[in-house]
Amino acid sequence: MGSPLKKIDSTVETNCLTCFSRSLSLFASLPREELILLNQNKKCIFFSRDEYLFRQGSWPLGLFALSHGKVKNVRVSANGDEHIFSLNKAVDFLGFYDFMGDQPYSFSCIALEPCQVCFIPRSYFLEMLQRQPAIAIKTLQAISKQFAQSIERSTNLQSKHMRGRMADTLLYLYELFDGANNDQMIRLHLKRSDFAALSEMNVANAIRTLSEFSKTGLVSMEEEVIRYLDLDGLRKTSALQ
């Protein structure tokens, strides 16, 4: 991507001391004096739908903390195949592995809807970890958890047939975006090609499988709304090998 300081959205909370999103993140336990430093060093950036937050192969200049919105993480293979291996929601850190590993981004991050991120310069973040060992430990734990979840989902998909893969993807989205507390529904701007990439199948099979799920009453798909009509049925379908 270009400069991470490209634009600021003044309509959303930008003060770290009063930010509700911060209270749900790894920074929740930062002392006031560190929060003041964080507030002075970070920049708030707004991204439109389908805009790249960063691109595969570029170098992390700092850490992206997603404060509002949803994003998808996309890796392009040597032969040009696109693989969406995960999504992120508010309070997640983006590109964490590559940032901490001081290496080029191994994937691209794309906004699924209008997003706001807090960009934290690399030098400040690393200095903060030295001053705040408890945050350093939480950071390592978060990286380990994200890595384990990514490996588990990839392994699970490889062992399933097409219907099981799509059911797994729908359940993954349900858990990630808290469908249980949103009337068994989630709002999400995903194209059919995105569902295909998340489920590791081609687009034609993804469209056919989603249509089958709708006809059998497992889910309903209405523009950007996924309604979960039969969670038990989805779980049973996902469990089939």
Foldseek 3Di string as FASTA:
>chain_A
DPDLQPDADPPADLQQVPQPLCCVALNVPPDPVVSVVQSVAKHKDKDAAFDWSDAFPAWQQFKKAWAAAKKWWWAADPVGDIATQDMAGHRDIPQLVCLVVRHGRRTIIGTQHITMIITGGSVSVVVVCVVPVVSVVVSVVVVVVVVVVSVVLVVLLVPADQLLLLLSVVVNVCVRQVCVVVQQKDFTRDDLCRSCNNSVHHSVSSVVSVVVCVVVQQWDDDRRMIHGRNNVVSVVSNPHD
